[in-house]
Amino acid sequence: MPSLVKWLQHAISHRAKATLTHGRTRLDSDPGRSAAQRAFLDDVLQVLLVHDYDRNVADHHASLLAHVRRTGSKRGAHDLIVAAAARATNRIVVTTDKRAGFDELPNVTARIITA
């Protein structure tokens, strides 16, 4: 896992943390696998820095909101928070969700992971 964590640059947004934490409620019904999944998620959350939704992130979020309204492009509200946190901290959004269009937002760098 250290190479994955290094690649992720040791940070996630509060929104991404909420998604991971929510994921713990939807784990495998098998108790053994569920415990292993929970332990993995706990380990991930212990090593990654969680960026606050601070004034800097809020400013980037407002700018991205203005951009999508101006261009008429639809984006998920939570996706814009993730993008704003990445942009405010000069980080890369790593996602499997190509439809979110992170790479189409101004000054947002995204890396799409495919299966």
C-alpha atoms as a PDB file:
ATOM      1  CA  MET A   1       0.000   0.000   0.000  1.00  0.00           C
ATOM      2  CA  PRO A   2       2.840   2.564   0.484  1.00  0.00           C
ATOM      3  CA  SER A   3       3.275   3.015  -3.281  1.00  0.00           C
ATOM      4  CA  LEU A   4      -0.471   3.595  -3.716  1.00  0.00           C
ATOM      5  CA  VAL A   5      -0.498   6.101  -0.863  1.00  0.00           C
ATOM      6  CA  LYS A   6       2.493   7.933  -2.359  1.00  0.00           C
ATOM      7  CA  TRP A   7       0.757   8.055  -5.730  1.00  0.00           C
ATOM      8  CA  LEU A   8      -2.332   9.523  -4.053  1.00  0.00           C
ATOM      9  CA  GLN A   9      -0.088  12.184  -2.497  1.00  0.00           C
ATOM     10  CA  HIS A  10      -1.355  11.352   0.981  1.00  0.00           C
ATOM     11  CA  ALA A  11      -4.506  13.482   0.853  1.00  0.00           C
ATOM     12  CA  ILE A  12      -8.240  13.315   0.349  1.00  0.00           C
ATOM     13  CA  SER A  13     -11.007  15.857   0.670  1.00  0.00           C
ATOM     14  CA  HIS A  14     -13.521  15.761   3.506  1.00  0.00           C
ATOM     15  CA  ARG A  15     -16.097  14.731   0.907  1.00  0.00           C
ATOM     16  CA  ALA A  16     -13.984  11.747  -0.139  1.00  0.00           C
ATOM     17  CA  LYS A  17     -13.567  10.792   3.531  1.00  0.00           C
ATOM     18  CA  ALA A  18     -17.342  10.894   3.948  1.00  0.00           C
ATOM     19  CA  THR A  19     -17.723   8.592   0.953  1.00  0.00           C
ATOM     20  CA  LEU A  20     -15.213   6.114   2.371  1.00  0.00           C
ATOM     21  CA  THR A  21     -16.782   6.272   5.819  1.00  0.00           C
ATOM     22  CA  HIS A  22     -20.236   5.714   4.333  1.00  0.00           C
ATOM     23  CA  GLY A  23     -18.809   2.750   2.465  1.00  0.00           C
ATOM     24  CA  ARG A  24     -18.197   1.048   5.801  1.00  0.00           C
ATOM     25  CA  THR A  25     -21.981   0.780   6.206  1.00  0.00           C
ATOM     26  CA  ARG A  26     -22.253  -1.116   2.922  1.00  0.00           C
ATOM     27  CA  LEU A  27     -19.646  -3.797   3.461  1.00  0.00           C
ATOM     28  CA  ASP A  28     -19.884  -7.472   2.555  1.00  0.00           C
ATOM     29  CA  SER A  29     -22.501  -9.421   4.513  1.00  0.00           C
ATOM     30  CA  ASP A  30     -19.931 -12.109   5.375  1.00  0.00           C
ATOM     31  CA  PRO A  31     -18.569 -11.179   8.837  1.00  0.00           C
ATOM     32  CA  GLY A  32     -14.979 -12.183   8.011  1.00  0.00           C
ATOM     33  CA  ARG A  33     -14.810 -10.227   4.767  1.00  0.00           C
ATOM     34  CA  SER A  34     -16.644  -7.301   6.355  1.00  0.00           C
ATOM     35  CA  ALA A  35     -14.069  -7.126   9.159  1.00  0.00           C
ATOM     36  CA  ALA A  36     -11.202  -7.219   6.647  1.00  0.00           C
ATOM     37  CA  GLN A  37     -12.822  -4.487   4.548  1.00  0.00           C
ATOM     38  CA  ARG A  38     -13.434  -2.327   7.628  1.00  0.00           C
ATOM     39  CA  ALA A  39      -9.812  -2.763   8.750  1.00  0.00           C
ATOM     40  CA  PHE A  40      -8.545  -1.801   5.288  1.00  0.00           C
ATOM     41  CA  LEU A  41     -10.692   1.358   5.208  1.00  0.00           C
ATOM     42  CA  ASP A  42      -9.561   2.279   8.715  1.00  0.00           C
ATOM     43  CA  ASP A  43      -5.917   1.861   7.658  1.00  0.00           C
ATOM     44  CA  VAL A  44      -6.438   4.033   4.581  1.00  0.00           C
ATOM     45  CA  LEU A  45      -8.066   6.787   6.624  1.00  0.00           C
ATOM     46  CA  GLN A  46      -5.217   6.706   9.148  1.00  0.00           C
ATOM     47  CA  VAL A  47      -2.489   7.382   6.594  1.00  0.00           C
ATOM     48  CA  LEU A  48      -4.181   9.945   4.362  1.00  0.00           C
ATOM     49  CA  LEU A  49      -4.291  13.629   5.179  1.00  0.00           C
ATOM     50  CA  VAL A  50      -7.851  14.982   5.072  1.00  0.00           C
ATOM     51  CA  HIS A  51      -8.050  18.495   3.697  1.00  0.00           C
ATOM     52  CA  ASP A  52     -10.400  20.840   5.499  1.00  0.00           C
ATOM     53  CA  TYR A  53     -13.053  22.720   3.613  1.00  0.00           C
ATOM     54  CA  ASP A  54     -11.382  26.013   4.457  1.00  0.00           C
ATOM     55  CA  ARG A  55     -11.610  29.488   2.937  1.00  0.00           C
ATOM     56  CA  ASN A  56      -9.137  28.601   0.181  1.00  0.00           C
ATOM     57  CA  VAL A  57     -11.116  25.519  -0.851  1.00  0.00           C
ATOM     58  CA  ALA A  58     -14.355  27.537  -0.615  1.00  0.00           C
ATOM     59  CA  ASP A  59     -12.914  30.163  -2.971  1.00  0.00           C
ATOM     60  CA  HIS A  60     -11.982  27.481  -5.517  1.00  0.00           C
ATOM     61  CA  HIS A  61     -15.394  25.855  -5.050  1.00  0.00           C
ATOM     62  CA  ALA A  62     -17.134  29.175  -5.772  1.00  0.00           C
ATOM     63  CA  SER A  63     -15.011  29.637  -8.886  1.00  0.00           C
ATOM     64  CA  LEU A  64     -15.880  26.148 -10.139  1.00  0.00           C
ATOM     65  CA  LEU A  65     -19.576  26.711  -9.395  1.00  0.00           C
ATOM     66  CA  ALA A  66     -19.448  29.916 -11.427  1.00  0.00           C
ATOM     67  CA  HIS A  67     -17.702  28.091 -14.270  1.00  0.00           C
ATOM     68  CA  VAL A  68     -20.292  25.301 -14.526  1.00  0.00           C
ATOM     69  CA  ARG A  69     -23.160  27.791 -14.344  1.00  0.00           C
ATOM     70  CA  ARG A  70     -21.548  29.977 -16.997  1.00  0.00           C
ATOM     71  CA  THR A  71     -20.872  27.050 -19.329  1.00  0.00           C
ATOM     72  CA  GLY A  72     -24.118  25.225 -18.596  1.00  0.00           C
ATOM     73  CA  SER A  73     -22.278  22.001 -17.835  1.00  0.00           C
ATOM     74  CA  LYS A  74     -23.765  19.775 -15.163  1.00  0.00           C
ATOM     75  CA  ARG A  75     -21.613  18.535 -12.309  1.00  0.00           C
ATOM     76  CA  GLY A  76     -22.432  16.819  -9.061  1.00  0.00           C
ATOM     77  CA  ALA A  77     -22.275  19.171  -6.085  1.00  0.00           C
ATOM     78  CA  HIS A  78     -19.955  16.806  -4.225  1.00  0.00           C
ATOM     79  CA  ASP A  79     -17.744  16.367  -7.272  1.00  0.00           C
ATOM     80  CA  LEU A  80     -17.128  20.113  -7.316  1.00  0.00           C
ATOM     81  CA  ILE A  81     -16.077  20.021  -3.662  1.00  0.00           C
ATOM     82  CA  VAL A  82     -13.566  17.271  -4.427  1.00  0.00           C
ATOM     83  CA  ALA A  83     -12.312  19.214  -7.455  1.00  0.00           C
ATOM     84  CA  ALA A  84     -12.035  22.432  -5.426  1.00  0.00           C
ATOM     85  CA  ALA A  85     -10.007  20.712  -2.699  1.00  0.00           C
ATOM     86  CA  ALA A  86      -7.644  19.255  -5.302  1.00  0.00           C
ATOM     87  CA  ARG A  87      -7.275  22.534  -7.162  1.00  0.00           C
ATOM     88  CA  ALA A  88      -6.737  24.553  -3.978  1.00  0.00           C
ATOM     89  CA  THR A  89      -3.935  22.236  -2.860  1.00  0.00           C
ATOM     90  CA  ASN A  90      -2.362  21.562  -6.279  1.00  0.00           C
ATOM     91  CA  ARG A  91      -3.265  17.888  -6.177  1.00  0.00           C
ATOM     92  CA  ILE A  92      -4.573  15.406  -8.716  1.00  0.00           C
ATOM     93  CA  VAL A  93      -8.089  13.980  -8.554  1.00  0.00           C
ATOM     94  CA  VAL A  94      -7.839  10.198  -8.872  1.00  0.00           C
ATOM     95  CA  THR A  95     -11.163   8.602  -9.756  1.00  0.00           C
ATOM     96  CA  THR A  96     -12.884   5.794 -11.595  1.00  0.00           C
ATOM     97  CA  ASP A  97     -15.786   8.115 -12.482  1.00  0.00           C
ATOM     98  CA  LYS A  98     -15.052   9.434 -15.966  1.00  0.00           C
ATOM     99  CA  ARG A  99     -18.588  10.849 -16.166  1.00  0.00           C
ATOM    100  CA  ALA A 100     -17.766  13.332 -13.380  1.00  0.00           C
ATOM    101  CA  GLY A 101     -15.676  15.256 -15.901  1.00  0.00           C
ATOM    102  CA  PHE A 102     -13.024  16.420 -13.442  1.00  0.00           C
ATOM    103  CA  ASP A 103     -10.524  16.756 -16.278  1.00  0.00           C
ATOM    104  CA  GLU A 104     -12.857  19.202 -18.059  1.00  0.00           C
ATOM    105  CA  LEU A 105     -12.831  21.698 -15.175  1.00  0.00           C
ATOM    106  CA  PRO A 106     -10.423  24.652 -15.346  1.00  0.00           C
ATOM    107  CA  ASN A 107      -7.117  24.120 -13.532  1.00  0.00           C
ATOM    108  CA  VAL A 108      -8.177  20.691 -12.235  1.00  0.00           C
ATOM    109  CA  THR A 109      -5.922  17.769 -13.031  1.00  0.00           C
ATOM    110  CA  ALA A 110      -7.561  14.353 -13.011  1.00  0.00           C
ATOM    111  CA  ARG A 111      -6.376  10.819 -13.528  1.00  0.00           C
ATOM    112  CA  ILE A 112      -9.050   8.326 -14.516  1.00  0.00           C
ATOM    113  CA  ILE A 113      -8.449   4.752 -13.377  1.00  0.00           C
ATOM    114  CA  THR A 114     -10.041   2.084 -15.532  1.00  0.00           C
ATOM    115  CA  ALA A 115     -10.592  -1.536 -14.610  1.00  0.00           C
END
